[in-house]
Amino acid sequence: MWVLLYVSWEAYELGLLCPPYFGRSPDRLFFLEKQINSRVSQCLTRVDLHDKLNNSDSESLNLYITCMEKPKTECTVVYPGTFDPITNGHTDLVARAARVFNRVIVAIAENPQKQPLLSLAKRISLAEAIIGDIPGVEIVGFSNLLADFVREKDASVILRGLRAVSDFEYEFQLASMNRHLVKEVETMFMTPSEEHSFISSSLVREVARMGGDVAEFVDPLVKQALLERSLKITEDCINCDVCEPACPNMAIYQGIEIFEINPDLCTECVGHFDEPQCVEICPVECIPLDPEYTETPEQLLKKYQVLTNGK
């Protein structure tokens, strides 16, 4: 029987090399795993059992124990990005960084130049729901220069992900600029797991926009957020009162400073017209889609039927 074993010195002191733990009972192996988890600080264990019973008299077993017993690096790392939306690739990098650094700040940039699909508040809330429970991980939004943000957080490392060679030129330029702006901070690159190497936020948005299934690439909460859609009135509103009387559902009302839309009443004119009437007649184009209140055409039609009592 061949056994491949990776253990730390502490694991050796636990007596894990003693013959009783190499018996044929899987229960003993899981007991071994439990002992490592309970005694080795910050240790990640994995036991894979395979190649069962080559014949009736012998059992072939491969045992892999991956143990990170060394203390985490006592410094703060900042992982910046737009995260529009956060993907499984992002989650993978955050989880792995948290094994190395004792404090990982996921810095979500407002980045209005990119015209994000999801608002900053929505991106922060999604990240908190998905990765907020990882020990040592913080989620923070920011709108200032990254170099200044890193200084504010007293961080010593900037973490960036490299999916492919095509990313390197831009990331190298960015790292060089950050080194010039904040000399005391280093940039560290991590590559994603192979199953996530092709995932990007822009591709996820495009797939979702075309009606494709993004379940393999993002958390279910993100998938739901990408499916949802509705209208909103922005601060560009000039209070012209053209849209309010044109709304067939009376979903538009005068707010504190500008007109606002009640998402519970807005059906984007599905069931009424081909296009939302407020969008068609607004003279300043202040009524775009609101990614925080998103609904499929089928959901909008169902809402319309409820509002009109099925008429």
C-alpha atoms as a PDB file:
ATOM      1  CA  MET A   1       0.000   0.000   0.000  1.00  0.00           C
ATOM      2  CA  TRP A   2       1.432   3.353  -1.079  1.00  0.00           C
ATOM      3  CA  VAL A   3       0.748   6.361   1.074  1.00  0.00           C
ATOM      4  CA  LEU A   4       1.571   9.931   0.000  1.00  0.00           C
ATOM      5  CA  LEU A   5       1.728  12.060   3.112  1.00  0.00           C
ATOM      6  CA  TYR A   6       2.451  15.753   3.614  1.00  0.00           C
ATOM      7  CA  VAL A   7       2.604  16.648   7.305  1.00  0.00           C
ATOM      8  CA  SER A   8       4.063  19.396   9.450  1.00  0.00           C
ATOM      9  CA  TRP A   9       6.345  18.942  12.459  1.00  0.00           C
ATOM     10  CA  GLU A  10       3.339  19.515  14.716  1.00  0.00           C
ATOM     11  CA  ALA A  11       1.484  16.795  12.856  1.00  0.00           C
ATOM     12  CA  TYR A  12       4.440  14.481  13.533  1.00  0.00           C
ATOM     13  CA  GLU A  13       4.313  15.368  17.221  1.00  0.00           C
ATOM     14  CA  LEU A  14       0.647  14.441  17.258  1.00  0.00           C
ATOM     15  CA  GLY A  15       1.716  10.918  16.429  1.00  0.00           C
ATOM     16  CA  LEU A  16       0.133  10.937  12.983  1.00  0.00           C
ATOM     17  CA  LEU A  17       2.908   8.748  11.634  1.00  0.00           C
ATOM     18  CA  CYS A  18       2.065   6.001  14.077  1.00  0.00           C
ATOM     19  CA  PRO A  19       0.747   2.801  12.472  1.00  0.00           C
ATOM     20  CA  PRO A  20      -2.706   2.869  14.115  1.00  0.00           C
ATOM     21  CA  TYR A  21      -3.711   5.792  11.928  1.00  0.00           C
ATOM     22  CA  PHE A  22      -2.938   3.881   8.770  1.00  0.00           C
ATOM     23  CA  GLY A  23      -5.503   1.195   9.376  1.00  0.00           C
ATOM     24  CA  ARG A  24      -8.154   0.419   6.802  1.00  0.00           C
ATOM     25  CA  SER A  25     -11.005   2.064   8.636  1.00  0.00           C
ATOM     26  CA  PRO A  26     -12.005   5.429   7.115  1.00  0.00           C
ATOM     27  CA  ASP A  27     -13.220   6.413  10.587  1.00  0.00           C
ATOM     28  CA  ARG A  28      -9.626   6.481  11.785  1.00  0.00           C
ATOM     29  CA  LEU A  29      -8.663   8.745   8.905  1.00  0.00           C
ATOM     30  CA  PHE A  30     -11.415  11.190   9.721  1.00  0.00           C
ATOM     31  CA  PHE A  31     -10.315  11.028  13.361  1.00  0.00           C
ATOM     32  CA  LEU A  32      -6.824  11.939  12.123  1.00  0.00           C
ATOM     33  CA  GLU A  33      -8.261  14.907  10.247  1.00  0.00           C
ATOM     34  CA  LYS A  34     -10.150  15.998  13.360  1.00  0.00           C
ATOM     35  CA  GLN A  35      -6.969  15.849  15.424  1.00  0.00           C
ATOM     36  CA  ILE A  36      -5.115  18.067  12.965  1.00  0.00           C
ATOM     37  CA  ASN A  37      -7.937  20.590  12.858  1.00  0.00           C
ATOM     38  CA  SER A  38      -8.073  20.756  16.645  1.00  0.00           C
ATOM     39  CA  ARG A  39      -4.326  20.948  17.348  1.00  0.00           C
ATOM     40  CA  VAL A  40      -2.564  22.636  14.441  1.00  0.00           C
ATOM     41  CA  SER A  41      -3.056  26.391  14.348  1.00  0.00           C
ATOM     42  CA  GLN A  42      -4.562  27.763  11.122  1.00  0.00           C
ATOM     43  CA  CYS A  43      -4.383  24.386   9.490  1.00  0.00           C
ATOM     44  CA  LEU A  44      -6.354  23.345   6.456  1.00  0.00           C
ATOM     45  CA  THR A  45      -6.746  19.625   5.988  1.00  0.00           C
ATOM     46  CA  ARG A  46      -8.150  17.533   3.194  1.00  0.00           C
ATOM     47  CA  VAL A  47      -8.389  13.785   3.095  1.00  0.00           C
ATOM     48  CA  ASP A  48      -9.053  12.170  -0.271  1.00  0.00           C
ATOM     49  CA  LEU A  49      -9.769   8.479  -0.349  1.00  0.00           C
ATOM     50  CA  HIS A  50      -9.734   6.726  -3.684  1.00  0.00           C
ATOM     51  CA  ASP A  51      -8.569   3.596  -5.533  1.00  0.00           C
ATOM     52  CA  LYS A  52     -10.718   1.427  -3.286  1.00  0.00           C
ATOM     53  CA  LEU A  53     -10.207  -2.343  -3.007  1.00  0.00           C
ATOM     54  CA  ASN A  54      -8.055  -3.491  -5.879  1.00  0.00           C
ATOM     55  CA  ASN A  55      -8.857  -6.997  -4.677  1.00  0.00           C
ATOM     56  CA  SER A  56     -10.620  -8.662  -1.811  1.00  0.00           C
ATOM     57  CA  ASP A  57      -7.517  -8.827   0.402  1.00  0.00           C
ATOM     58  CA  SER A  58      -5.949  -5.380   0.027  1.00  0.00           C
ATOM     59  CA  GLU A  59      -7.022  -1.787  -0.045  1.00  0.00           C
ATOM     60  CA  SER A  60      -5.109   0.852  -1.951  1.00  0.00           C
ATOM     61  CA  LEU A  61      -5.233   4.206  -0.270  1.00  0.00           C
ATOM     62  CA  ASN A  62      -3.870   7.640  -1.070  1.00  0.00           C
ATOM     63  CA  LEU A  63      -3.870  10.087   1.781  1.00  0.00           C
ATOM     64  CA  TYR A  64      -3.235  13.742   1.151  1.00  0.00           C
ATOM     65  CA  ILE A  65      -2.940  16.139   4.030  1.00  0.00           C
ATOM     66  CA  THR A  66      -2.396  19.773   3.143  1.00  0.00           C
ATOM     67  CA  CYS A  67      -1.474  21.693   6.239  1.00  0.00           C
ATOM     68  CA  MET A  68      -0.800  25.412   6.608  1.00  0.00           C
ATOM     69  CA  GLU A  69       0.569  25.562  10.125  1.00  0.00           C
ATOM     70  CA  LYS A  70       2.696  28.692   9.705  1.00  0.00           C
ATOM     71  CA  PRO A  71       1.307  31.926  11.120  1.00  0.00           C
ATOM     72  CA  LYS A  72      -0.348  34.221   8.601  1.00  0.00           C
ATOM     73  CA  THR A  73       1.589  37.247   7.412  1.00  0.00           C
ATOM     74  CA  GLU A  74       0.980  40.017   9.912  1.00  0.00           C
ATOM     75  CA  CYS A  75       0.039  42.724   7.438  1.00  0.00           C
ATOM     76  CA  THR A  76      -2.932  44.157   5.610  1.00  0.00           C
ATOM     77  CA  VAL A  77      -3.540  43.446   1.927  1.00  0.00           C
ATOM     78  CA  VAL A  78      -5.933  45.452  -0.236  1.00  0.00           C
ATOM     79  CA  TYR A  79      -7.701  43.693  -3.097  1.00  0.00           C
ATOM     80  CA  PRO A  80      -9.135  46.508  -5.241  1.00  0.00           C
ATOM     81  CA  GLY A  81     -11.583  46.295  -8.117  1.00  0.00           C
ATOM     82  CA  THR A  82     -14.943  47.362  -9.449  1.00  0.00           C
ATOM     83  CA  PHE A  83     -16.526  43.940  -8.771  1.00  0.00           C
ATOM     84  CA  ASP A  84     -19.365  44.650 -11.202  1.00  0.00           C
ATOM     85  CA  PRO A  85     -20.403  42.005 -10.355  1.00  0.00           C
ATOM     86  CA  ILE A  86     -18.342  39.925  -7.953  1.00  0.00           C
ATOM     87  CA  THR A  87     -17.636  36.533  -9.562  1.00  0.00           C
ATOM     88  CA  ASN A  88     -16.538  33.105  -8.377  1.00  0.00           C
ATOM     89  CA  GLY A  89     -13.033  34.045  -9.522  1.00  0.00           C
ATOM     90  CA  HIS A  90     -13.002  36.995  -7.135  1.00  0.00           C
ATOM     91  CA  THR A  91     -14.301  34.823  -4.310  1.00  0.00           C
ATOM     92  CA  ASP A  92     -11.592  32.238  -4.972  1.00  0.00           C
ATOM     93  CA  LEU A  93      -8.807  34.826  -4.749  1.00  0.00           C
ATOM     94  CA  VAL A  94     -10.203  36.391  -1.587  1.00  0.00           C
ATOM     95  CA  ALA A  95     -10.474  33.020   0.164  1.00  0.00           C
ATOM     96  CA  ARG A  96      -6.911  32.108  -0.765  1.00  0.00           C
ATOM     97  CA  ALA A  97      -5.538  35.499   0.238  1.00  0.00           C
ATOM     98  CA  ALA A  98      -7.233  35.117   3.628  1.00  0.00           C
ATOM     99  CA  ARG A  99      -5.122  32.008   4.235  1.00  0.00           C
ATOM    100  CA  VAL A 100      -1.944  34.037   3.775  1.00  0.00           C
ATOM    101  CA  PHE A 101      -2.743  37.450   5.265  1.00  0.00           C
ATOM    102  CA  ASN A 102      -4.382  38.144   8.600  1.00  0.00           C
ATOM    103  CA  ARG A 103      -6.366  41.089   7.177  1.00  0.00           C
ATOM    104  CA  VAL A 104      -7.771  41.284   3.644  1.00  0.00           C
ATOM    105  CA  ILE A 105      -9.618  44.424   2.566  1.00  0.00           C
ATOM    106  CA  VAL A 106     -11.784  43.982  -0.514  1.00  0.00           C
ATOM    107  CA  ALA A 107     -11.844  47.545  -1.844  1.00  0.00           C
ATOM    108  CA  ILE A 108     -14.791  48.151  -4.170  1.00  0.00           C
ATOM    109  CA  ALA A 109     -14.228  51.167  -6.385  1.00  0.00           C
ATOM    110  CA  GLU A 110     -17.099  53.466  -7.243  1.00  0.00           C
ATOM    111  CA  ASN A 111     -15.487  53.991 -10.660  1.00  0.00           C
ATOM    112  CA  PRO A 112     -18.189  56.046 -12.440  1.00  0.00           C
ATOM    113  CA  GLN A 113     -16.007  56.210 -15.569  1.00  0.00           C
ATOM    114  CA  LYS A 114     -16.815  52.555 -16.229  1.00  0.00           C
ATOM    115  CA  GLN A 115     -20.551  53.230 -15.806  1.00  0.00           C
ATOM    116  CA  PRO A 116     -21.069  50.171 -13.570  1.00  0.00           C
ATOM    117  CA  LEU A 117     -24.210  48.128 -14.047  1.00  0.00           C
ATOM    118  CA  LEU A 118     -24.672  47.747 -10.288  1.00  0.00           C
ATOM    119  CA  SER A 119     -24.546  50.654  -7.879  1.00  0.00           C
ATOM    120  CA  LEU A 120     -21.708  50.870  -5.371  1.00  0.00           C
ATOM    121  CA  ALA A 121     -24.092  50.116  -2.509  1.00  0.00           C
ATOM    122  CA  LYS A 122     -25.387  47.026  -4.304  1.00  0.00           C
ATOM    123  CA  ARG A 123     -21.888  45.756  -5.090  1.00  0.00           C
ATOM    124  CA  ILE A 124     -20.865  46.199  -1.456  1.00  0.00           C
ATOM    125  CA  SER A 125     -23.964  44.412  -0.161  1.00  0.00           C
ATOM    126  CA  LEU A 126     -23.422  41.484  -2.545  1.00  0.00           C
ATOM    127  CA  ALA A 127     -19.770  41.156  -1.509  1.00  0.00           C
ATOM    128  CA  GLU A 128     -20.697  41.264   2.171  1.00  0.00           C
ATOM    129  CA  ALA A 129     -23.280  38.526   1.675  1.00  0.00           C
ATOM    130  CA  ILE A 130     -20.927  36.291  -0.328  1.00  0.00           C
ATOM    131  CA  ILE A 131     -17.488  36.707   1.284  1.00  0.00           C
ATOM    132  CA  GLY A 132     -18.203  38.704   4.431  1.00  0.00           C
ATOM    133  CA  ASP A 133     -18.071  35.648   6.652  1.00  0.00           C
ATOM    134  CA  ILE A 134     -14.495  34.710   5.684  1.00  0.00           C
ATOM    135  CA  PRO A 135     -12.311  35.379   8.761  1.00  0.00           C
ATOM    136  CA  GLY A 136     -10.125  38.449   8.379  1.00  0.00           C
ATOM    137  CA  VAL A 137     -11.973  39.813   5.335  1.00  0.00           C
ATOM    138  CA  GLU A 138     -13.416  43.343   5.227  1.00  0.00           C
ATOM    139  CA  ILE A 139     -15.459  44.912   2.431  1.00  0.00           C
ATOM    140  CA  VAL A 140     -15.046  48.650   1.915  1.00  0.00           C
ATOM    141  CA  GLY A 141     -16.171  50.993  -0.849  1.00  0.00           C
ATOM    142  CA  PHE A 142     -13.897  53.814  -1.989  1.00  0.00           C
ATOM    143  CA  SER A 143     -13.860  56.619  -4.529  1.00  0.00           C
ATOM    144  CA  ASN A 144     -10.434  58.186  -4.038  1.00  0.00           C
ATOM    145  CA  LEU A 145      -7.041  57.309  -5.487  1.00  0.00           C
ATOM    146  CA  LEU A 146      -6.042  53.727  -4.706  1.00  0.00           C
ATOM    147  CA  ALA A 147      -2.633  54.820  -3.397  1.00  0.00           C
ATOM    148  CA  ASP A 148      -4.317  57.172  -0.932  1.00  0.00           C
ATOM    149  CA  PHE A 149      -6.806  54.496   0.099  1.00  0.00           C
ATOM    150  CA  VAL A 150      -4.002  52.017   0.771  1.00  0.00           C
ATOM    151  CA  ARG A 151      -2.245  54.541   2.983  1.00  0.00           C
ATOM    152  CA  GLU A 152      -5.468  55.259   4.873  1.00  0.00           C
ATOM    153  CA  LYS A 153      -5.841  51.556   5.644  1.00  0.00           C
ATOM    154  CA  ASP A 154      -2.160  51.195   6.588  1.00  0.00           C
ATOM    155  CA  ALA A 155      -1.837  48.345   4.083  1.00  0.00           C
ATOM    156  CA  SER A 156       1.492  47.045   2.824  1.00  0.00           C
ATOM    157  CA  VAL A 157       0.363  44.903  -0.112  1.00  0.00           C
ATOM    158  CA  ILE A 158      -1.939  45.412  -3.098  1.00  0.00           C
ATOM    159  CA  LEU A 159      -3.379  42.160  -4.405  1.00  0.00           C
ATOM    160  CA  ARG A 160      -4.235  41.782  -8.081  1.00  0.00           C
ATOM    161  CA  GLY A 161      -5.513  38.801 -10.043  1.00  0.00           C
ATOM    162  CA  LEU A 162      -3.924  37.636 -13.300  1.00  0.00           C
ATOM    163  CA  ARG A 163      -6.208  35.519 -15.471  1.00  0.00           C
ATOM    164  CA  ALA A 164      -4.054  35.347 -18.597  1.00  0.00           C
ATOM    165  CA  VAL A 165      -0.920  36.703 -20.233  1.00  0.00           C
ATOM    166  CA  SER A 166      -3.063  39.406 -21.831  1.00  0.00           C
ATOM    167  CA  ASP A 167      -3.674  40.895 -18.361  1.00  0.00           C
ATOM    168  CA  PHE A 168       0.024  41.258 -17.586  1.00  0.00           C
ATOM    169  CA  GLU A 169       0.891  44.372 -19.601  1.00  0.00           C
ATOM    170  CA  TYR A 170      -1.863  46.460 -18.015  1.00  0.00           C
ATOM    171  CA  GLU A 171      -1.232  45.066 -14.536  1.00  0.00           C
ATOM    172  CA  PHE A 172       2.520  45.655 -14.860  1.00  0.00           C
ATOM    173  CA  GLN A 173       1.892  49.275 -15.804  1.00  0.00           C
ATOM    174  CA  LEU A 174      -0.553  49.694 -12.932  1.00  0.00           C
ATOM    175  CA  ALA A 175       1.864  48.116 -10.438  1.00  0.00           C
ATOM    176  CA  SER A 176       4.658  50.405 -11.608  1.00  0.00           C
ATOM    177  CA  MET A 177       2.465  53.485 -11.157  1.00  0.00           C
ATOM    178  CA  ASN A 178       1.385  52.394  -7.671  1.00  0.00           C
ATOM    179  CA  ARG A 179       5.013  51.745  -6.731  1.00  0.00           C
ATOM    180  CA  HIS A 180       5.799  55.299  -7.793  1.00  0.00           C
ATOM    181  CA  LEU A 181       2.853  56.766  -5.863  1.00  0.00           C
ATOM    182  CA  VAL A 182       3.182  54.690  -2.697  1.00  0.00           C
ATOM    183  CA  LYS A 183       6.718  53.310  -2.471  1.00  0.00           C
ATOM    184  CA  GLU A 184       6.218  51.458   0.792  1.00  0.00           C
ATOM    185  CA  VAL A 185       3.547  49.180  -0.709  1.00  0.00           C
ATOM    186  CA  GLU A 186       4.211  46.110  -2.848  1.00  0.00           C
ATOM    187  CA  THR A 187       1.935  44.576  -5.476  1.00  0.00           C
ATOM    188  CA  MET A 188       1.300  40.839  -5.352  1.00  0.00           C
ATOM    189  CA  PHE A 189      -0.288  38.844  -8.159  1.00  0.00           C
ATOM    190  CA  MET A 190      -2.347  35.693  -7.748  1.00  0.00           C
ATOM    191  CA  THR A 191      -3.695  33.489 -10.511  1.00  0.00           C
ATOM    192  CA  PRO A 192      -7.202  32.058 -10.206  1.00  0.00           C
ATOM    193  CA  SER A 193      -8.014  28.386 -10.080  1.00  0.00           C
ATOM    194  CA  GLU A 194      -8.194  26.799 -13.515  1.00  0.00           C
ATOM    195  CA  GLU A 195     -11.975  26.531 -13.432  1.00  0.00           C
ATOM    196  CA  HIS A 196     -12.231  30.300 -12.926  1.00  0.00           C
ATOM    197  CA  SER A 197      -9.419  31.480 -15.211  1.00  0.00           C
ATOM    198  CA  PHE A 198     -11.738  32.575 -18.041  1.00  0.00           C
ATOM    199  CA  ILE A 199     -14.330  34.367 -15.890  1.00  0.00           C
ATOM    200  CA  SER A 200     -14.499  38.157 -15.931  1.00  0.00           C
ATOM    201  CA  SER A 201     -17.152  40.566 -14.725  1.00  0.00           C
ATOM    202  CA  SER A 202     -17.584  42.045 -18.200  1.00  0.00           C
ATOM    203  CA  LEU A 203     -18.210  38.618 -19.746  1.00  0.00           C
ATOM    204  CA  VAL A 204     -20.683  37.761 -16.993  1.00  0.00           C
ATOM    205  CA  ARG A 205     -22.579  41.004 -17.625  1.00  0.00           C
ATOM    206  CA  GLU A 206     -22.690  40.344 -21.350  1.00  0.00           C
ATOM    207  CA  VAL A 207     -23.919  36.771 -20.924  1.00  0.00           C
ATOM    208  CA  ALA A 208     -26.611  37.944 -18.508  1.00  0.00           C
ATOM    209  CA  ARG A 209     -27.646  40.791 -20.819  1.00  0.00           C
ATOM    210  CA  MET A 210     -28.185  38.339 -23.661  1.00  0.00           C
ATOM    211  CA  GLY A 211     -30.285  36.060 -21.474  1.00  0.00           C
ATOM    212  CA  GLY A 212     -27.617  33.404 -20.839  1.00  0.00           C
ATOM    213  CA  ASP A 213     -27.260  31.407 -17.654  1.00  0.00           C
ATOM    214  CA  VAL A 214     -24.471  32.737 -15.402  1.00  0.00           C
ATOM    215  CA  ALA A 215     -25.083  30.301 -12.546  1.00  0.00           C
ATOM    216  CA  GLU A 216     -21.671  28.624 -13.037  1.00  0.00           C
ATOM    217  CA  PHE A 217     -19.774  31.890 -12.763  1.00  0.00           C
ATOM    218  CA  VAL A 218     -21.387  33.809  -9.906  1.00  0.00           C
ATOM    219  CA  ASP A 219     -23.164  33.349  -6.607  1.00  0.00           C
ATOM    220  CA  PRO A 220     -26.965  32.894  -6.832  1.00  0.00           C
ATOM    221  CA  LEU A 221     -27.405  36.324  -5.223  1.00  0.00           C
ATOM    222  CA  VAL A 222     -25.447  37.911  -8.069  1.00  0.00           C
ATOM    223  CA  LYS A 223     -27.405  35.976 -10.661  1.00  0.00           C
ATOM    224  CA  GLN A 224     -30.637  37.303  -9.200  1.00  0.00           C
ATOM    225  CA  ALA A 225     -29.297  40.859  -9.142  1.00  0.00           C
ATOM    226  CA  LEU A 226     -28.341  40.621 -12.821  1.00  0.00           C
ATOM    227  CA  LEU A 227     -31.775  39.303 -13.778  1.00  0.00           C
ATOM    228  CA  GLU A 228     -33.596  42.125 -12.099  1.00  0.00           C
ATOM    229  CA  ARG A 229     -34.267  45.422 -13.822  1.00  0.00           C
ATOM    230  CA  SER A 230     -36.444  48.490 -13.408  1.00  0.00           C
ATOM    231  CA  LEU A 231     -36.429  52.240 -14.073  1.00  0.00           C
ATOM    232  CA  LYS A 232     -35.164  55.088 -11.944  1.00  0.00           C
ATOM    233  CA  ILE A 233     -35.104  58.876 -12.169  1.00  0.00           C
ATOM    234  CA  THR A 234     -31.646  60.367 -11.752  1.00  0.00           C
ATOM    235  CA  GLU A 235     -30.485  63.693 -10.340  1.00  0.00           C
ATOM    236  CA  ASP A 236     -30.567  65.064 -13.903  1.00  0.00           C
ATOM    237  CA  CYS A 237     -34.328  65.435 -13.446  1.00  0.00           C
ATOM    238  CA  ILE A 238     -35.468  69.061 -14.003  1.00  0.00           C
ATOM    239  CA  ASN A 239     -38.922  68.577 -12.415  1.00  0.00           C
ATOM    240  CA  CYS A 240     -40.653  69.286 -15.707  1.00  0.00           C
ATOM    241  CA  ASP A 241     -43.654  67.111 -14.704  1.00  0.00           C
ATOM    242  CA  VAL A 242     -43.916  65.594 -18.164  1.00  0.00           C
ATOM    243  CA  CYS A 243     -43.440  62.004 -17.084  1.00  0.00           C
ATOM    244  CA  GLU A 244     -45.866  61.850 -14.146  1.00  0.00           C
ATOM    245  CA  PRO A 245     -49.149  62.207 -16.098  1.00  0.00           C
ATOM    246  CA  ALA A 246     -47.860  59.884 -18.826  1.00  0.00           C
ATOM    247  CA  CYS A 247     -47.348  56.928 -16.468  1.00  0.00           C
ATOM    248  CA  PRO A 248     -50.254  54.468 -16.948  1.00  0.00           C
ATOM    249  CA  ASN A 249     -49.668  52.922 -13.491  1.00  0.00           C
ATOM    250  CA  MET A 250     -49.225  56.173 -11.542  1.00  0.00           C
ATOM    251  CA  ALA A 251     -45.805  54.921 -10.476  1.00  0.00           C
ATOM    252  CA  ILE A 252     -44.162  58.354 -10.777  1.00  0.00           C
ATOM    253  CA  TYR A 253     -44.540  60.827  -7.954  1.00  0.00           C
ATOM    254  CA  GLN A 254     -42.931  64.041  -6.745  1.00  0.00           C
ATOM    255  CA  GLY A 255     -40.142  63.309  -4.284  1.00  0.00           C
ATOM    256  CA  ILE A 256     -38.303  65.659  -1.957  1.00  0.00           C
ATOM    257  CA  GLU A 257     -36.172  67.223  -4.698  1.00  0.00           C
ATOM    258  CA  ILE A 258     -36.949  65.366  -7.913  1.00  0.00           C
ATOM    259  CA  PHE A 259     -39.600  63.007  -9.232  1.00  0.00           C
ATOM    260  CA  GLU A 260     -39.239  59.395  -8.182  1.00  0.00           C
ATOM    261  CA  ILE A 261     -40.511  55.998  -9.337  1.00  0.00           C
ATOM    262  CA  ASN A 262     -42.230  53.452  -7.129  1.00  0.00           C
ATOM    263  CA  PRO A 263     -40.744  50.084  -8.250  1.00  0.00           C
ATOM    264  CA  ASP A 264     -43.783  48.241  -6.892  1.00  0.00           C
ATOM    265  CA  LEU A 265     -46.004  50.034  -9.417  1.00  0.00           C
ATOM    266  CA  CYS A 266     -43.619  50.412 -12.358  1.00  0.00           C
ATOM    267  CA  THR A 267     -44.048  47.732 -15.035  1.00  0.00           C
ATOM    268  CA  GLU A 268     -41.814  49.492 -17.602  1.00  0.00           C
ATOM    269  CA  CYS A 269     -45.020  49.717 -19.643  1.00  0.00           C
ATOM    270  CA  VAL A 270     -44.931  45.982 -20.387  1.00  0.00           C
ATOM    271  CA  GLY A 271     -48.570  45.193 -21.135  1.00  0.00           C
ATOM    272  CA  HIS A 272     -49.300  48.833 -21.986  1.00  0.00           C
ATOM    273  CA  PHE A 273     -46.854  49.807 -24.717  1.00  0.00           C
ATOM    274  CA  ASP A 274     -43.721  48.573 -26.444  1.00  0.00           C
ATOM    275  CA  GLU A 275     -41.513  51.097 -24.606  1.00  0.00           C
ATOM    276  CA  PRO A 276     -41.768  52.864 -21.238  1.00  0.00           C
ATOM    277  CA  GLN A 277     -43.652  56.096 -21.822  1.00  0.00           C
ATOM    278  CA  CYS A 278     -41.644  58.135 -19.317  1.00  0.00           C
ATOM    279  CA  VAL A 279     -38.409  57.215 -21.080  1.00  0.00           C
ATOM    280  CA  GLU A 280     -39.894  58.121 -24.455  1.00  0.00           C
ATOM    281  CA  ILE A 281     -41.038  61.607 -23.494  1.00  0.00           C
ATOM    282  CA  CYS A 282     -38.398  62.707 -20.954  1.00  0.00           C
ATOM    283  CA  PRO A 283     -36.700  65.807 -22.459  1.00  0.00           C
ATOM    284  CA  VAL A 284     -33.428  65.357 -20.549  1.00  0.00           C
ATOM    285  CA  GLU A 285     -33.119  61.545 -20.649  1.00  0.00           C
ATOM    286  CA  CYS A 286     -32.969  61.248 -16.876  1.00  0.00           C
ATOM    287  CA  ILE A 287     -34.763  57.870 -16.616  1.00  0.00           C
ATOM    288  CA  PRO A 288     -32.357  54.936 -17.159  1.00  0.00           C
ATOM    289  CA  LEU A 289     -32.678  51.363 -15.963  1.00  0.00           C
ATOM    290  CA  ASP A 290     -32.066  50.882 -12.253  1.00  0.00           C
ATOM    291  CA  PRO A 291     -30.004  47.702 -11.693  1.00  0.00           C
ATOM    292  CA  GLU A 292     -31.061  47.555  -8.032  1.00  0.00           C
ATOM    293  CA  TYR A 293     -34.688  46.861  -8.978  1.00  0.00           C
ATOM    294  CA  THR A 294     -34.505  44.411 -11.818  1.00  0.00           C
ATOM    295  CA  GLU A 295     -37.239  42.192 -13.167  1.00  0.00           C
ATOM    296  CA  THR A 296     -37.644  40.006 -16.222  1.00  0.00           C
ATOM    297  CA  PRO A 297     -40.286  40.920 -18.833  1.00  0.00           C
ATOM    298  CA  GLU A 298     -42.330  37.980 -17.577  1.00  0.00           C
ATOM    299  CA  GLN A 299     -42.249  39.318 -14.018  1.00  0.00           C
ATOM    300  CA  LEU A 300     -43.179  42.794 -15.228  1.00  0.00           C
ATOM    301  CA  LEU A 301     -46.113  41.409 -17.206  1.00  0.00           C
ATOM    302  CA  LYS A 302     -47.320  39.457 -14.170  1.00  0.00           C
ATOM    303  CA  LYS A 303     -47.093  42.624 -12.074  1.00  0.00           C
ATOM    304  CA  TYR A 304     -49.068  44.512 -14.729  1.00  0.00           C
ATOM    305  CA  GLN A 305     -51.785  41.856 -14.700  1.00  0.00           C
ATOM    306  CA  VAL A 306     -52.041  42.082 -10.906  1.00  0.00           C
ATOM    307  CA  LEU A 307     -52.203  45.893 -10.993  1.00  0.00           C
ATOM    308  CA  THR A 308     -54.939  45.847 -13.639  1.00  0.00           C
ATOM    309  CA  ASN A 309     -56.822  42.890 -12.118  1.00  0.00           C
ATOM    310  CA  GLY A 310     -56.001  40.762 -15.128  1.00  0.00           C
ATOM    311  CA  LYS A 311     -57.666  43.098 -17.602  1.00  0.00           C
END
